[in-house]
Amino acid sequence: MSFIRIKKYKLFFKEYHGEGPGTLMLSSSGLGPRQWDFLSALMKGRLSYALSYLHYPPSDFLNEGVEPDIDVDFLGAEKLLDLLIEKGGGPINVVGHSYGGFLALSLAKKYPDKIRRMVLFEPIAWGVLRLDSQDESLKKDFENLYQNLFYKGLLEENWLRFFIDFWNHQGFWDSLGPKKQNYWKSLYPKIYAEVKGLCLDDKGLSHWADLKHPIRILRGKNGPPAQNEVCKLLFKALKNSELI
């Protein structure tokens, strides 16, 4: 098994052996490297790394009562970016979903010359919605989401139910079996911190607009309208992007 050390933590990454330039794969909140097994099967022979975030097994867990340091995830992605270039040359490709899409955008902003192109599925850039959307109803929906998640006093299971149902449909959490629910509960402290950080993001389109990389943005047909708005706004602002 392959690990990197970031601050006091060990983060796991899954390595798919092959030729470079490599691909860095960054999953959504609640998911890990297994999310990319199917994609990696389509890229046989391509060097690829998939990061397992802090508190996502087999990466290190947080000690009980310790405030999650979500910067560790970005630092881990940074480290794998450099390892991929060292091993297979650069610039590299980046694939990101949701929270991973936000990390991918952040990497491209900080290291424009190290990234060749990106594919982002519903990248979470809530600052774009808050600062740049002209749709007041969607901005109100987002504010309601934030208030429900962080100011209604929801306890662990009810918080997860609200969060999971928002991204899927009402009743989706209850349709999960006990094993899957317990998995999400084990990740709850870290997911809570990730979502709060994303909801408080204050980076608008002016922050991202100078990205010149080819970027393919994918959005789900039945995704939340507020997230669809983020994808549309990014597509309009990023001159070398396409929206599917």
Protein backbone atom coordinates (compact mmCIF):
# COMPACT_ATOMS: atom_id res chain seq x y z
CA MET A 1 0.00 0.00 0.00
CA SER A 2 1.20 3.51 -0.82
CA PHE A 3 1.15 6.38 1.68
CA ILE A 4 2.36 9.96 1.88
CA ARG A 5 2.91 11.89 5.08
CA ILE A 6 1.23 15.28 5.42
CA LYS A 7 1.85 17.10 8.70
CA LYS A 8 1.30 14.41 11.36
CA TYR A 9 -0.96 12.22 9.19
CA LYS A 10 -0.46 9.39 6.72
CA LEU A 11 -2.68 9.58 3.64
CA PHE A 12 -3.20 6.58 1.41
CA PHE A 13 -3.20 6.83 -2.35
CA LYS A 14 -4.07 4.14 -4.86
CA GLU A 15 -1.55 3.80 -7.63
CA TYR A 16 -2.43 2.59 -11.12
CA HIS A 17 0.83 1.77 -12.88
CA GLY A 18 1.50 2.89 -16.42
CA GLU A 19 3.11 5.52 -18.56
CA GLY A 20 3.03 9.27 -18.04
CA PRO A 21 2.09 11.98 -18.13
CA GLY A 22 -0.03 10.90 -15.20
CA THR A 23 -3.56 11.57 -14.01
CA LEU A 24 -4.52 12.69 -10.51
CA MET A 25 -8.01 11.59 -9.39
CA LEU A 26 -9.78 13.42 -6.56
CA SER A 27 -13.04 11.97 -5.25
CA SER A 28 -16.12 13.60 -3.77
CA SER A 29 -16.93 13.88 -0.07
CA GLY A 30 -17.76 10.49 1.37
CA LEU A 31 -16.09 8.52 -1.41
CA GLY A 32 -12.55 7.33 -1.86
CA PRO A 33 -10.18 5.88 -4.47
CA ARG A 34 -12.60 3.05 -5.32
CA GLN A 35 -14.72 5.70 -7.02
CA TRP A 36 -12.18 5.69 -9.85
CA ASP A 37 -11.75 1.94 -10.43
CA PHE A 38 -14.01 1.99 -13.47
CA LEU A 39 -12.30 5.05 -14.92
CA SER A 40 -8.87 3.57 -14.38
CA ALA A 41 -9.98 0.46 -16.29
CA LEU A 42 -10.65 2.74 -19.26
CA MET A 43 -7.16 4.23 -18.94
CA LYS A 44 -5.12 1.03 -18.85
CA GLY A 45 -1.47 1.81 -19.26
CA ARG A 46 -1.83 5.36 -17.88
CA LEU A 47 0.00 6.28 -14.68
CA SER A 48 -2.66 7.45 -12.21
CA TYR A 49 -2.96 8.24 -8.50
CA ALA A 50 -6.19 8.41 -6.52
CA LEU A 51 -6.01 10.16 -3.14
CA SER A 52 -7.75 8.94 0.01
CA TYR A 53 -8.53 12.00 2.13
CA LEU A 54 -7.81 12.45 5.81
CA HIS A 55 -10.19 10.29 7.93
CA TYR A 56 -11.07 8.13 4.90
CA PRO A 57 -9.74 4.61 5.44
CA PRO A 58 -7.03 3.46 5.04
CA SER A 59 -5.70 7.03 5.58
CA ASP A 60 -5.25 8.09 9.20
CA PHE A 61 -8.35 8.80 11.26
CA LEU A 62 -8.73 11.89 13.37
CA ASN A 63 -8.55 11.44 17.11
CA GLU A 64 -11.92 11.90 18.78
CA GLY A 65 -12.57 15.55 19.60
CA VAL A 66 -9.84 16.85 17.28
CA GLU A 67 -10.91 19.61 14.88
CA PRO A 68 -10.46 18.36 11.29
CA ASP A 69 -7.68 20.07 9.36
CA ILE A 70 -9.07 20.03 5.82
CA ASP A 71 -5.93 21.74 4.47
CA VAL A 72 -4.35 18.30 4.75
CA ASP A 73 -6.37 17.13 1.72
CA PHE A 74 -5.11 19.94 -0.51
CA LEU A 75 -1.53 19.40 0.70
CA GLY A 76 -1.93 15.70 -0.11
CA ALA A 77 -3.16 16.50 -3.62
CA GLU A 78 -0.21 18.88 -4.00
CA LYS A 79 2.23 16.16 -2.99
CA LEU A 80 0.76 13.63 -5.44
CA LEU A 81 0.87 16.23 -8.21
CA ASP A 82 4.62 16.54 -7.72
CA LEU A 83 5.11 12.77 -7.40
CA LEU A 84 3.28 12.18 -10.68
CA ILE A 85 5.44 14.75 -12.47
CA GLU A 86 8.59 13.27 -10.93
CA LYS A 87 7.64 9.77 -12.05
CA GLY A 88 5.94 10.33 -15.39
CA GLY A 89 6.71 13.86 -16.47
CA GLY A 90 4.33 16.76 -16.74
CA PRO A 91 2.11 18.59 -17.02
CA ILE A 92 -0.48 16.10 -15.76
CA ASN A 93 -4.23 15.59 -16.09
CA VAL A 94 -6.63 16.02 -13.16
CA VAL A 95 -10.07 14.49 -12.65
CA GLY A 96 -12.22 15.73 -9.77
CA HIS A 97 -15.75 15.16 -8.49
CA SER A 98 -17.60 17.55 -6.17
CA TYR A 99 -15.19 18.36 -3.29
CA GLY A 100 -12.46 16.85 -5.46
CA GLY A 101 -13.46 19.24 -8.23
CA PHE A 102 -12.88 22.18 -5.91
CA LEU A 103 -9.46 20.78 -4.96
CA ALA A 104 -8.65 20.37 -8.65
CA LEU A 105 -9.58 23.99 -9.42
CA SER A 106 -7.44 25.11 -6.48
CA LEU A 107 -4.45 23.11 -7.75
CA ALA A 108 -4.80 24.58 -11.23
CA LYS A 109 -4.97 28.08 -9.79
CA LYS A 110 -1.81 27.60 -7.72
CA TYR A 111 0.16 25.50 -10.23
CA PRO A 112 -1.07 26.43 -13.73
CA ASP A 113 2.06 25.11 -15.44
CA LYS A 114 1.88 21.68 -13.78
CA ILE A 115 -1.60 20.79 -15.08
CA ARG A 116 -2.39 20.03 -18.71
CA ARG A 117 -6.19 19.63 -18.61
CA MET A 118 -9.02 18.77 -16.24
CA VAL A 119 -12.33 16.92 -16.16
CA LEU A 120 -14.58 18.11 -13.34
CA PHE A 121 -17.91 16.55 -12.41
CA GLU A 122 -20.08 19.05 -10.51
CA PRO A 123 -17.15 20.92 -8.93
CA ILE A 124 -18.26 22.61 -5.71
CA ALA A 125 -17.47 26.31 -6.00
CA TRP A 126 -20.23 27.80 -3.88
CA GLY A 127 -18.49 31.17 -3.78
CA VAL A 128 -19.35 31.51 -7.48
CA LEU A 129 -23.04 31.04 -6.71
CA ARG A 130 -23.03 33.44 -3.78
CA LEU A 131 -21.10 36.21 -5.52
CA ASP A 132 -21.92 35.91 -9.22
CA SER A 133 -25.32 34.33 -9.76
CA GLN A 134 -28.15 36.60 -10.85
CA ASP A 135 -30.75 34.03 -9.77
CA GLU A 136 -31.91 35.21 -6.37
CA SER A 137 -34.08 32.14 -5.80
CA LEU A 138 -31.08 29.82 -6.19
CA LYS A 139 -29.01 31.99 -3.88
CA LYS A 140 -31.83 31.78 -1.36
CA ASP A 141 -31.93 27.99 -1.77
CA PHE A 142 -28.22 27.87 -1.00
CA GLU A 143 -28.66 30.04 2.07
CA ASN A 144 -31.41 27.70 3.26
CA LEU A 145 -29.09 24.74 2.70
CA TYR A 146 -26.36 26.39 4.75
CA GLN A 147 -28.74 27.33 7.55
CA ASN A 148 -30.17 23.81 7.73
CA LEU A 149 -26.75 22.16 7.79
CA PHE A 150 -25.08 24.42 10.34
CA TYR A 151 -27.64 26.38 12.36
CA LYS A 152 -30.54 23.99 12.98
CA GLY A 153 -28.75 21.81 15.51
CA LEU A 154 -29.04 18.65 13.41
CA LEU A 155 -27.40 15.67 15.05
CA GLU A 156 -25.19 13.23 13.17
CA GLU A 157 -27.75 10.97 11.49
CA ASN A 158 -30.24 13.73 10.72
CA TRP A 159 -27.42 15.88 9.33
CA LEU A 160 -26.28 13.05 7.07
CA ARG A 161 -29.87 12.36 6.00
CA PHE A 162 -30.34 16.00 4.99
CA PHE A 163 -26.98 16.13 3.18
CA ILE A 164 -27.33 12.82 1.32
CA ASP A 165 -30.93 13.48 0.34
CA PHE A 166 -30.00 16.93 -1.00
CA TRP A 167 -27.57 15.39 -3.49
CA ASN A 168 -29.85 12.51 -4.44
CA HIS A 169 -33.54 12.64 -3.54
CA GLN A 170 -35.72 12.62 -0.47
CA GLY A 171 -35.61 9.23 1.21
CA PHE A 172 -32.26 8.21 -0.28
CA TRP A 173 -30.53 8.04 3.11
CA ASP A 174 -33.25 5.78 4.49
CA SER A 175 -32.89 3.50 1.46
CA LEU A 176 -29.26 2.77 2.37
CA GLY A 177 -28.60 -0.37 4.37
CA PRO A 178 -27.11 -0.26 7.88
CA LYS A 179 -23.61 -1.07 6.58
CA LYS A 180 -23.54 1.93 4.23
CA GLN A 181 -25.12 4.22 6.81
CA ASN A 182 -22.50 3.20 9.37
CA TYR A 183 -19.76 3.93 6.84
CA TRP A 184 -21.06 7.48 6.34
CA LYS A 185 -21.41 7.93 10.10
CA SER A 186 -17.75 6.96 10.58
CA LEU A 187 -16.78 9.78 8.18
CA TYR A 188 -19.23 12.33 9.58
CA PRO A 189 -16.76 14.64 11.46
CA LYS A 190 -14.59 15.05 8.35
CA ILE A 191 -17.47 15.39 5.88
CA TYR A 192 -19.03 18.04 8.13
CA ALA A 193 -15.78 20.02 8.04
CA GLU A 194 -15.42 19.65 4.26
CA VAL A 195 -18.98 20.82 3.59
CA LYS A 196 -18.71 23.75 5.97
CA GLY A 197 -15.47 24.88 4.34
CA LEU A 198 -17.05 24.69 0.89
CA CYS A 199 -20.16 26.56 2.02
CA LEU A 200 -18.01 29.38 3.42
CA ASP A 201 -15.92 29.67 0.25
CA ASP A 202 -15.68 33.29 -0.89
CA LYS A 203 -13.96 32.86 -4.26
CA GLY A 204 -16.04 34.21 -7.12
CA LEU A 205 -15.56 33.99 -10.87
CA SER A 206 -12.92 36.72 -10.78
CA HIS A 207 -10.71 34.31 -8.83
CA TRP A 208 -11.04 31.45 -11.33
CA ALA A 209 -11.40 33.37 -14.60
CA ASP A 210 -7.70 33.33 -15.51
CA LEU A 211 -7.54 29.52 -15.74
CA LYS A 212 -6.53 28.70 -19.31
CA HIS A 213 -6.50 24.90 -19.13
CA PRO A 214 -8.86 22.84 -21.28
CA ILE A 215 -11.60 21.99 -18.78
CA ARG A 216 -14.53 19.65 -19.36
CA ILE A 217 -17.29 20.33 -16.82
CA LEU A 218 -19.90 17.63 -16.34
CA ARG A 219 -23.17 18.10 -14.49
CA GLY A 220 -25.77 15.53 -13.54
CA LYS A 221 -29.06 15.61 -15.38
CA ASN A 222 -30.99 15.56 -12.11
CA GLY A 223 -28.46 17.41 -9.93
CA PRO A 224 -29.47 20.18 -7.52
CA PRO A 225 -30.38 23.38 -9.41
CA ALA A 226 -27.94 25.43 -7.33
CA GLN A 227 -25.06 23.18 -8.37
CA ASN A 228 -26.16 23.29 -12.01
CA GLU A 229 -25.94 27.07 -11.75
CA VAL A 230 -22.34 26.84 -10.49
CA CYS A 231 -21.40 24.64 -13.47
CA LYS A 232 -23.02 27.04 -15.94
CA LEU A 233 -21.31 30.07 -14.42
CA LEU A 234 -17.89 28.39 -14.47
CA PHE A 235 -18.41 27.35 -18.08
CA LYS A 236 -19.25 30.91 -19.14
CA ALA A 237 -16.26 32.37 -17.30
CA LEU A 238 -13.58 29.82 -18.20
CA LYS A 239 -12.75 30.47 -21.83
CA ASN A 240 -11.29 27.06 -22.61
CA SER A 241 -14.07 25.00 -21.02
CA GLU A 242 -16.99 22.93 -22.23
CA LEU A 243 -20.14 21.94 -20.35
CA ILE A 244 -21.81 18.55 -20.73
